[in-house]
Amino acid sequence: MENKINILEFNVGELLFGLRTEYIKNIFDIENIKKAPLMPDYVAGITTHGKHIYPLICTEKLLELSDSCEQLTGKTAIAVEIDGNTYALAVDEIRKIQEIEKTGSEDDVINFYNLKGEVLEEITPKFLKAKIKLPPFRQELLTGLIEEEKEKRKEDEEGFLVFKLEDKLFALKTDFVKKVEYIENLKKTITADDSWIEGVFLVKNTPVKTGNLKRLFSLGEETGEYLIILEKDGMLFGLTADDIIDIVSIKKTQINTGTDRKSILPDFFVYSKEIIPVLSDSFIEETLREHSLKVVYTEEKQTRQTKQVEILLFKIGDEKLGIKMENVDEVKEYKEVHISNYPTEVKAVKGLIATNRESMFLISYEEFLNQKIDTDSEDTKIMIIKEGELKIALLISDIEDILVVPEENLALIEDKKSFLGGTVMGKNGELINIINPAWALYTFSEKRLTEG
């Protein structure tokens, strides 16, 4: 068996390719694609599936089979995870999964296999890591989707989180759901409570006692992949689930109500042609009263748990960008700053400015973004960016807003070689790129430019 590998076969155009199944997280139809600004040209956009958001890779372009990438909606996406980076590869057709003799290493850039007269080209992790360079994305959107459902829900509707235990679907009201976590990321200890109590998980310094519904319903013993954290009146309790299926709003008239209100599953509704039983309010409330832990927070822990990050949103031409407020020293009106010419061949450098007895280069991202800043406009500004003791000045079109998000919602990088420092979801659900101050300071620092 050591010389065998399981590989997913698929077509891109007329050619046959393969991926080892151990790197595949999901396979789904591409139903929606949103614009992803400032991404490499092989990124067709952003697509969502269930609770996840994926950068959608135009595999034809990545493999240099085509110069264009059109009509991806309706095709199939293969979500892969390589070293913690997840994205979706658009393909034309899924063929099959089969076990084949391994003749090449996954550390090779490319492997070829002869399968009954057809040549299969294996796309290896090394190839993908070499070809795909993306800023980090916030992959998990579930908490945001729950809050969105609560905001958009109509008065005659109830919101439900649909989840899976083994091969069966269940639901509970989103009003009770605080958040959902991946269990593999959490620490756990056991307890000696009721037989269906799984243990206590540590969720961002908060212990959450957790129940295994599969054990309660005699469906199995194994712990699921997800922890659904319930909350009411400051009480927390977790439920494990094998998968999170959807977040839905159901008209109250379409919820079939049972007469026994003390039952665990008194109500149900129809979803995707299946009957979904609903965990009762009384069961959830009683579970919270009996099993939730009394957690005493220190002021330090409470501050750390609820830390919010301020993102300054600004524009360069028509492109909206963001930067962490902690990296913004000050913002000045363009027309109030004296700019001295500075001899350099770097087009991004617009000159040298002096402020508060400090001199620094004024740079512009216009060339990088293919945008134009109107310096005659009253809105044009100069933003001083800082990191440690280093500072540079950035020419911008205007200040848009300040976005406040939980620190855990940001996926940022500190690589000096990356122009983008990550992404964040805006108030309207749009994807906003965050610039990387380390890159700008490293690239355009006075010392680096003067010393060459």
Protein backbone atom coordinates (compact mmCIF):
# COMPACT_ATOMS: atom_id res chain seq x y z
CA MET A 1 0.00 0.00 0.00
CA GLU A 2 2.98 2.32 0.51
CA ASN A 3 3.50 2.44 -3.27
CA LYS A 4 -0.16 3.32 -3.92
CA ILE A 5 -1.76 6.76 -3.97
CA ASN A 6 -5.38 7.87 -4.30
CA ILE A 7 -5.72 10.50 -7.00
CA LEU A 8 -8.63 12.57 -8.28
CA GLU A 9 -8.69 12.69 -12.07
CA PHE A 10 -10.12 15.72 -13.87
CA ASN A 11 -10.03 17.51 -17.19
CA VAL A 12 -8.88 21.03 -17.92
CA GLY A 13 -9.75 21.51 -21.54
CA GLU A 14 -8.85 18.29 -23.35
CA LEU A 15 -5.98 17.40 -21.02
CA LEU A 16 -6.07 15.00 -18.06
CA PHE A 17 -4.73 16.06 -14.67
CA GLY A 18 -4.77 14.70 -11.14
CA LEU A 19 -4.52 15.73 -7.48
CA ARG A 20 -3.82 13.52 -4.51
CA THR A 21 -7.02 13.25 -2.48
CA GLU A 22 -5.28 14.01 0.82
CA TYR A 23 -5.03 17.68 -0.22
CA ILE A 24 -8.67 18.01 -1.34
CA LYS A 25 -11.09 19.68 1.11
CA ASN A 26 -14.22 19.93 -1.05
CA ILE A 27 -15.65 19.64 -4.56
CA PHE A 28 -18.54 21.90 -5.58
CA ASP A 29 -20.24 23.62 -8.50
CA ILE A 30 -19.24 27.27 -9.07
CA GLU A 31 -22.43 29.28 -8.57
CA ASN A 32 -21.13 32.76 -7.86
CA ILE A 33 -17.96 34.75 -8.49
CA LYS A 34 -17.17 38.12 -6.93
CA LYS A 35 -14.48 40.52 -8.05
CA ALA A 36 -11.11 40.18 -6.32
CA PRO A 37 -9.12 43.39 -6.92
CA LEU A 38 -5.33 43.44 -7.02
CA MET A 39 -5.05 39.68 -7.34
CA PRO A 40 -2.74 37.92 -9.84
CA ASP A 41 -4.30 37.43 -13.28
CA TYR A 42 -4.83 33.70 -12.66
CA VAL A 43 -7.32 34.55 -9.88
CA ALA A 44 -10.77 34.73 -11.48
CA GLY A 45 -12.35 36.17 -8.33
CA ILE A 46 -13.80 35.04 -5.03
CA THR A 47 -16.37 32.28 -4.76
CA THR A 48 -18.31 30.99 -1.76
CA HIS A 49 -19.57 27.54 -0.90
CA GLY A 50 -21.55 26.93 2.27
CA LYS A 51 -19.63 28.60 5.06
CA HIS A 52 -16.36 29.13 3.19
CA ILE A 53 -14.88 31.77 0.92
CA TYR A 54 -12.26 30.75 -1.63
CA PRO A 55 -9.97 32.57 -4.05
CA LEU A 56 -10.99 30.98 -7.37
CA ILE A 57 -8.00 29.98 -9.48
CA CYS A 58 -8.36 29.89 -13.25
CA THR A 59 -6.52 26.60 -13.71
CA GLU A 60 -6.23 27.09 -17.48
CA LYS A 61 -4.21 30.27 -16.91
CA LEU A 62 -2.22 28.75 -14.08
CA LEU A 63 -1.17 25.86 -16.32
CA GLU A 64 -0.55 28.31 -19.20
CA LEU A 65 -3.10 26.54 -21.40
CA SER A 66 -4.96 29.76 -22.18
CA ASP A 67 -4.52 33.52 -21.92
CA SER A 68 -8.15 34.13 -20.93
CA CYS A 69 -10.50 32.81 -18.30
CA GLU A 70 -14.18 33.04 -19.14
CA GLN A 71 -17.48 31.37 -18.23
CA LEU A 72 -16.35 29.66 -15.02
CA THR A 73 -19.85 29.81 -13.52
CA GLY A 74 -21.35 26.33 -13.77
CA LYS A 75 -17.98 24.60 -13.87
CA THR A 76 -16.59 22.53 -11.00
CA ALA A 77 -14.24 23.78 -8.28
CA ILE A 78 -11.79 21.64 -6.32
CA ALA A 79 -11.00 23.22 -2.96
CA VAL A 80 -7.47 22.29 -1.91
CA GLU A 81 -5.41 23.04 1.18
CA ILE A 82 -1.63 23.23 0.94
CA ASP A 83 0.30 24.17 4.09
CA GLY A 84 -2.73 25.93 5.55
CA ASN A 85 -3.52 27.92 2.37
CA THR A 86 -6.91 27.11 0.87
CA TYR A 87 -8.16 28.02 -2.60
CA ALA A 88 -10.37 26.55 -5.31
CA LEU A 89 -9.17 25.30 -8.69
CA ALA A 90 -11.68 25.64 -11.54
CA VAL A 91 -11.81 22.53 -13.74
CA ASP A 92 -13.97 21.40 -16.66
CA GLU A 93 -14.89 17.87 -15.58
CA ILE A 94 -14.31 15.52 -12.67
CA ARG A 95 -13.51 12.03 -13.95
CA LYS A 96 -13.04 9.72 -10.96
CA ILE A 97 -10.94 8.86 -7.94
CA GLN A 98 -8.73 5.83 -8.30
CA GLU A 99 -5.79 4.14 -6.64
CA ILE A 100 -2.65 4.06 -8.76
CA GLU A 101 0.98 3.01 -8.44
CA LYS A 102 3.14 5.87 -7.18
CA THR A 103 6.06 6.55 -9.52
CA GLY A 104 6.90 10.11 -8.52
CA SER A 105 7.33 12.12 -5.34
CA GLU A 106 4.92 14.79 -4.12
CA ASP A 107 8.07 16.91 -3.73
CA ASP A 108 8.49 16.90 -7.49
CA VAL A 109 7.17 19.87 -9.44
CA ILE A 110 5.29 17.62 -11.84
CA ASN A 111 4.63 13.88 -12.19
CA PHE A 112 3.34 11.96 -15.21
CA TYR A 113 1.40 8.68 -15.19
CA ASN A 114 0.36 6.47 -18.10
CA LEU A 115 -3.19 5.24 -17.39
CA LYS A 116 -4.55 2.85 -20.00
CA GLY A 117 -3.20 4.84 -22.89
CA GLU A 118 -3.93 8.26 -21.37
CA VAL A 119 -1.23 10.48 -19.90
CA LEU A 120 -2.20 11.97 -16.52
CA GLU A 121 -0.22 14.92 -15.24
CA GLU A 122 -0.21 15.13 -11.44
CA ILE A 123 -0.37 18.65 -10.04
CA THR A 124 1.81 18.40 -6.96
CA PRO A 125 1.84 20.59 -3.82
CA LYS A 126 5.30 21.82 -4.79
CA PHE A 127 3.94 23.04 -8.13
CA LEU A 128 0.99 24.84 -6.49
CA LYS A 129 3.21 26.46 -3.85
CA ALA A 130 5.58 27.68 -6.54
CA LYS A 131 2.85 29.05 -8.83
CA ILE A 132 0.19 30.44 -6.48
CA LYS A 133 1.14 33.46 -4.39
CA LEU A 134 -1.85 34.99 -2.60
CA PRO A 135 -2.44 37.18 0.45
CA PRO A 136 -4.18 35.37 3.32
CA PHE A 137 -7.98 35.17 3.23
CA ARG A 138 -10.46 34.87 6.00
CA GLN A 139 -11.70 31.40 5.07
CA GLU A 140 -14.35 30.99 7.73
CA LEU A 141 -17.38 33.21 7.19
CA LEU A 142 -19.86 31.33 9.33
CA THR A 143 -20.08 33.77 12.24
CA GLY A 144 -20.62 36.65 9.85
CA LEU A 145 -23.28 34.70 7.96
CA ILE A 146 -25.17 34.02 11.19
CA GLU A 147 -25.16 37.71 12.08
CA GLU A 148 -26.25 38.56 8.53
CA GLU A 149 -29.16 36.12 8.78
CA LYS A 150 -30.28 37.69 12.05
CA GLU A 151 -30.19 41.18 10.52
CA LYS A 152 -32.06 40.24 7.34
CA ARG A 153 -34.63 37.93 8.95
CA LYS A 154 -38.23 39.09 8.59
CA GLU A 155 -40.72 39.22 11.46
CA ASP A 156 -42.63 36.21 10.16
CA GLU A 157 -39.47 34.05 9.97
CA GLU A 158 -37.21 32.04 12.28
CA GLY A 159 -33.49 31.56 11.66
CA PHE A 160 -31.89 28.12 11.86
CA LEU A 161 -28.42 26.62 11.70
CA VAL A 162 -28.63 23.31 9.81
CA PHE A 163 -25.96 20.77 10.80
CA LYS A 164 -25.16 17.12 10.24
CA LEU A 165 -24.67 14.22 12.65
CA GLU A 166 -23.49 11.13 10.75
CA ASP A 167 -25.86 11.06 7.74
CA LYS A 168 -28.75 12.90 9.43
CA LEU A 169 -29.60 16.61 9.42
CA PHE A 170 -30.73 18.64 12.42
CA ALA A 171 -31.31 22.32 13.15
CA LEU A 172 -31.28 24.80 16.02
CA LYS A 173 -32.24 28.46 16.21
CA THR A 174 -29.48 30.90 15.28
CA ASP A 175 -30.62 33.09 18.19
CA PHE A 176 -28.78 30.66 20.47
CA VAL A 177 -25.61 30.46 18.35
CA LYS A 178 -22.67 32.59 19.47
CA LYS A 179 -20.06 31.18 17.08
CA VAL A 180 -18.71 28.02 15.47
CA GLU A 181 -15.14 26.74 15.84
CA TYR A 182 -13.04 23.98 14.27
CA ILE A 183 -12.53 21.37 16.98
CA GLU A 184 -9.07 20.41 15.72
CA ASN A 185 -7.86 23.89 16.74
CA LEU A 186 -9.05 23.55 20.34
CA LYS A 187 -7.65 21.99 23.50
CA LYS A 188 -9.90 19.57 25.38
CA THR A 189 -10.18 17.92 28.78
CA ILE A 190 -12.65 15.23 29.87
CA THR A 191 -15.31 15.43 32.58
CA ALA A 192 -17.22 12.89 34.66
CA ASP A 193 -20.66 14.33 33.87
CA ASP A 194 -23.59 12.72 32.05
CA SER A 195 -22.73 10.09 29.46
CA TRP A 196 -23.40 12.45 26.52
CA ILE A 197 -21.05 15.18 27.79
CA GLU A 198 -17.96 15.15 25.59
CA GLY A 199 -15.70 17.27 27.77
CA VAL A 200 -14.53 20.87 28.12
CA PHE A 201 -12.92 22.72 25.21
CA LEU A 202 -10.76 25.81 25.63
CA VAL A 203 -12.04 28.44 23.17
CA LYS A 204 -9.83 31.56 23.19
CA ASN A 205 -9.12 31.25 26.93
CA THR A 206 -12.76 30.43 27.75
CA PRO A 207 -13.64 26.87 28.89
CA VAL A 208 -16.79 25.61 27.16
CA LYS A 209 -18.44 22.41 28.40
CA THR A 210 -19.62 20.44 25.39
CA GLY A 211 -22.16 17.75 24.58
CA ASN A 212 -21.99 15.03 21.93
CA LEU A 213 -25.45 14.84 20.33
CA LYS A 214 -24.52 11.69 18.41
CA ARG A 215 -24.05 9.94 21.72
CA LEU A 216 -27.31 11.38 23.07
CA PHE A 217 -29.25 10.22 20.00
CA SER A 218 -27.39 6.86 19.79
CA LEU A 219 -25.93 7.75 16.39
CA GLY A 220 -22.27 7.13 17.25
CA GLU A 221 -19.44 7.99 19.61
CA GLU A 222 -16.94 9.99 17.58
CA THR A 223 -16.48 13.72 18.15
CA GLY A 224 -17.48 15.85 15.16
CA GLU A 225 -15.33 18.39 13.34
CA TYR A 226 -17.20 21.51 14.51
CA LEU A 227 -18.08 23.02 17.87
CA ILE A 228 -21.33 25.00 17.89
CA ILE A 229 -21.16 27.38 20.86
CA LEU A 230 -24.55 28.28 22.34
CA GLU A 231 -25.14 31.32 24.53
CA LYS A 232 -27.98 32.80 26.55
CA ASP A 233 -27.83 35.21 29.50
CA GLY A 234 -24.06 34.83 29.71
CA MET A 235 -24.19 31.01 29.86
CA LEU A 236 -22.13 29.04 27.31
CA PHE A 237 -22.41 25.43 26.15
CA GLY A 238 -21.03 23.62 23.11
CA LEU A 239 -22.49 20.98 20.79
CA THR A 240 -20.33 18.96 18.42
CA ALA A 241 -21.37 18.45 14.78
CA ASP A 242 -19.88 16.57 11.84
CA ASP A 243 -20.60 19.37 9.38
CA ILE A 244 -22.33 22.73 9.10
CA ILE A 245 -24.74 22.63 6.16
CA ASP A 246 -26.48 26.01 5.94
CA ILE A 247 -27.98 29.01 7.68
CA VAL A 248 -31.60 29.52 6.66
CA SER A 249 -34.60 31.72 7.42
CA ILE A 250 -37.87 29.75 7.47
CA LYS A 251 -41.36 31.23 7.51
CA LYS A 252 -43.04 30.45 10.83
CA THR A 253 -46.04 29.06 8.94
CA GLN A 254 -43.73 26.46 7.38
CA ILE A 255 -42.48 25.18 10.75
CA ASN A 256 -44.45 22.12 11.84
CA THR A 257 -44.95 22.45 15.59
CA GLY A 258 -45.27 19.48 17.92
CA THR A 259 -47.57 19.41 20.94
CA ASP A 260 -45.00 18.02 23.42
CA ARG A 261 -42.98 21.14 24.23
CA LYS A 262 -40.74 19.14 26.62
CA SER A 263 -39.51 16.92 23.79
CA ILE A 264 -35.93 17.40 22.56
CA LEU A 265 -37.10 17.44 18.93
CA PRO A 266 -40.70 18.68 18.90
CA ASP A 267 -40.66 20.69 15.64
CA PHE A 268 -39.48 20.20 12.08
CA PHE A 269 -39.37 21.92 8.72
CA VAL A 270 -38.62 20.84 5.16
CA TYR A 271 -35.24 21.83 3.72
CA SER A 272 -33.84 20.65 0.39
CA LYS A 273 -36.54 17.96 0.23
CA GLU A 274 -35.55 16.60 3.65
CA ILE A 275 -37.39 16.74 6.97
CA ILE A 276 -35.21 18.60 9.49
CA PRO A 277 -35.93 18.11 13.23
CA VAL A 278 -35.27 21.16 15.43
CA LEU A 279 -33.69 21.13 18.88
CA SER A 280 -36.26 22.64 21.24
CA ASP A 281 -35.75 25.92 23.07
CA SER A 282 -36.51 24.16 26.36
CA PHE A 283 -33.82 21.52 25.76
CA ILE A 284 -31.20 24.17 24.93
CA GLU A 285 -32.16 26.41 27.87
CA GLU A 286 -32.21 23.50 30.33
CA THR A 287 -28.84 22.28 29.03
CA LEU A 288 -27.36 25.74 29.49
CA ARG A 289 -28.72 25.96 33.06
CA GLU A 290 -27.49 22.50 34.06
CA HIS A 291 -24.15 22.24 32.30
CA SER A 292 -22.72 25.68 31.52
CA LEU A 293 -19.63 26.69 33.49
CA LYS A 294 -19.38 29.76 35.66
CA VAL A 295 -16.44 31.54 34.09
CA VAL A 296 -14.75 34.39 35.92
CA TYR A 297 -12.77 36.65 33.56
CA THR A 298 -9.90 38.79 34.70
CA GLU A 299 -9.93 42.28 33.26
CA GLU A 300 -6.84 41.38 31.22
CA LYS A 301 -8.45 38.30 29.65
CA GLN A 302 -11.67 40.10 28.90
CA THR A 303 -9.78 42.85 27.10
CA ARG A 304 -7.82 40.32 25.08
CA GLN A 305 -10.94 38.39 24.09
CA THR A 306 -12.85 41.41 22.88
CA LYS A 307 -9.97 43.27 21.22
CA GLN A 308 -11.12 45.18 18.16
CA VAL A 309 -8.87 46.32 15.32
CA GLU A 310 -9.43 49.61 13.52
CA ILE A 311 -8.89 49.58 9.75
CA LEU A 312 -8.64 52.92 7.95
CA LEU A 313 -10.32 52.67 4.55
CA PHE A 314 -9.02 54.97 1.82
CA LYS A 315 -9.02 55.27 -1.95
CA ILE A 316 -6.37 55.46 -4.61
CA GLY A 317 -8.21 56.45 -7.74
CA ASP A 318 -11.25 54.16 -7.81
CA GLU A 319 -9.60 51.41 -5.74
CA LYS A 320 -10.63 51.05 -2.09
CA LEU A 321 -7.92 49.80 0.25
CA GLY A 322 -7.33 49.46 3.97
CA ILE A 323 -4.53 49.82 6.49
CA LYS A 324 -4.41 49.12 10.21
CA MET A 325 -4.80 52.34 12.16
CA GLU A 326 -1.78 51.48 14.28
CA ASN A 327 0.33 51.93 11.12
CA VAL A 328 -1.05 55.42 10.39
CA ASP A 329 0.94 58.27 11.93
CA GLU A 330 -1.12 61.17 10.53
CA VAL A 331 -3.02 62.36 7.46
CA LYS A 332 -2.32 65.73 5.84
CA GLU A 333 -4.02 67.73 3.12
CA TYR A 334 -2.02 67.42 -0.09
CA LYS A 335 -2.07 71.15 -0.87
CA GLU A 336 -0.72 72.03 2.57
CA VAL A 337 2.48 69.99 2.19
CA HIS A 338 5.59 71.23 0.40
CA ILE A 339 7.03 68.59 -1.92
CA SER A 340 10.66 68.79 -3.03
CA ASN A 341 11.84 67.11 -6.21
CA TYR A 342 14.15 64.16 -5.67
CA PRO A 343 16.28 62.64 -8.45
CA THR A 344 15.41 58.95 -8.70
CA GLU A 345 14.45 56.54 -11.47
CA VAL A 346 11.77 54.96 -9.28
CA LYS A 347 8.45 56.11 -10.79
CA ALA A 348 6.56 55.54 -7.53
CA VAL A 349 8.61 58.21 -5.76
CA LYS A 350 6.95 61.61 -6.25
CA GLY A 351 9.41 63.61 -4.19
CA LEU A 352 10.54 64.35 -0.68
CA ILE A 353 8.45 66.00 2.05
CA ALA A 354 9.36 67.44 5.43
CA THR A 355 7.05 67.25 8.45
CA ASN A 356 7.76 67.71 12.16
CA ARG A 357 11.48 68.01 11.47
CA GLU A 358 11.43 64.68 9.63
CA SER A 359 11.98 64.11 5.93
CA MET A 360 10.58 61.16 4.03
CA PHE A 361 9.79 60.04 0.52
CA LEU A 362 6.35 60.70 -0.91
CA ILE A 363 5.29 57.64 -2.88
CA SER A 364 2.27 56.72 -4.97
CA TYR A 365 0.73 53.32 -5.75
CA GLU A 366 -0.79 54.63 -8.99
CA GLU A 367 1.54 52.54 -11.17
CA PHE A 368 0.88 49.34 -9.20
CA LEU A 369 -2.91 49.73 -9.22
CA ASN A 370 -3.29 51.18 -12.71
CA GLN A 371 -5.11 54.13 -11.15
CA LYS A 372 -4.77 57.91 -11.36
CA ILE A 373 -4.89 60.36 -8.44
CA ASP A 374 -6.25 63.84 -9.21
CA THR A 375 -3.85 66.13 -7.33
CA ASP A 376 -6.07 69.12 -8.16
CA SER A 377 -8.91 67.64 -6.10
CA GLU A 378 -9.66 69.08 -2.65
CA ASP A 379 -9.95 65.49 -1.33
CA THR A 380 -6.38 64.43 -2.19
CA LYS A 381 -4.32 63.71 0.91
CA ILE A 382 -0.97 62.48 2.12
CA MET A 383 -0.96 59.64 4.65
CA ILE A 384 2.12 59.07 6.80
CA ILE A 385 2.70 55.34 7.29
CA LYS A 386 4.83 54.08 10.15
CA GLU A 387 6.20 50.84 11.50
CA GLY A 388 8.59 51.08 14.40
CA GLU A 389 10.83 54.08 13.73
CA LEU A 390 10.42 53.95 9.95
CA LYS A 391 8.04 56.29 8.12
CA ILE A 392 7.03 57.06 4.55
CA ALA A 393 4.35 59.26 2.99
CA LEU A 394 1.68 57.80 0.71
CA LEU A 395 -0.34 59.82 -1.80
CA ILE A 396 -4.06 58.90 -1.61
CA SER A 397 -7.26 60.14 -3.25
CA ASP A 398 -9.42 60.34 -0.13
CA ILE A 399 -10.25 58.89 3.29
CA GLU A 400 -13.36 56.69 3.15
CA ASP A 401 -14.17 55.32 6.60
CA ILE A 402 -12.88 53.50 9.67
CA LEU A 403 -13.84 49.82 9.88
CA VAL A 404 -13.76 48.14 13.29
CA VAL A 405 -13.44 44.34 13.23
CA PRO A 406 -12.56 41.63 15.78
CA GLU A 407 -8.85 40.83 15.73
CA GLU A 408 -9.61 37.16 15.06
CA ASN A 409 -11.29 38.10 11.76
CA LEU A 410 -8.06 39.41 10.26
CA ALA A 411 -5.57 37.20 8.46
CA LEU A 412 -2.44 39.29 8.00
CA ILE A 413 1.11 38.61 6.89
CA GLU A 414 4.36 40.31 7.80
CA ASP A 415 6.33 39.36 4.68
CA LYS A 416 8.29 42.36 3.41
CA LYS A 417 8.08 40.98 -0.14
CA SER A 418 4.28 41.07 -0.33
CA PHE A 419 2.49 44.21 -1.58
CA LEU A 420 -0.78 43.14 0.08
CA GLY A 421 -0.98 42.41 3.77
CA GLY A 422 -4.31 40.54 3.77
CA THR A 423 -8.01 41.11 3.26
CA VAL A 424 -11.04 42.14 5.29
CA MET A 425 -14.76 42.07 4.62
CA GLY A 426 -16.33 45.54 4.34
CA LYS A 427 -19.67 46.60 5.80
CA ASN A 428 -21.46 45.67 2.58
CA GLY A 429 -19.78 42.28 2.26
CA GLU A 430 -17.19 43.45 -0.28
CA LEU A 431 -13.63 42.20 -0.10
CA ILE A 432 -11.12 44.96 0.74
CA ASN A 433 -7.39 44.52 0.35
CA ILE A 434 -5.16 45.66 3.22
CA ILE A 435 -1.82 47.13 2.22
CA ASN A 436 1.33 45.84 3.83
CA PRO A 437 3.27 48.70 5.48
CA ALA A 438 6.32 46.47 5.89
CA TRP A 439 6.58 46.09 2.11
CA ALA A 440 6.21 49.80 1.48
CA LEU A 441 8.74 50.78 4.14
CA TYR A 442 11.22 48.15 2.98
CA THR A 443 10.83 49.10 -0.69
CA PHE A 444 10.76 52.89 -0.38
CA SER A 445 12.75 53.66 2.77
CA GLU A 446 15.17 56.55 2.32
CA LYS A 447 18.15 54.38 3.18
CA ARG A 448 17.25 51.69 0.65
CA LEU A 449 16.67 54.16 -2.19
CA THR A 450 19.72 56.29 -1.52
CA GLU A 451 22.03 53.29 -1.10
CA GLY A 452 20.51 51.45 -4.07
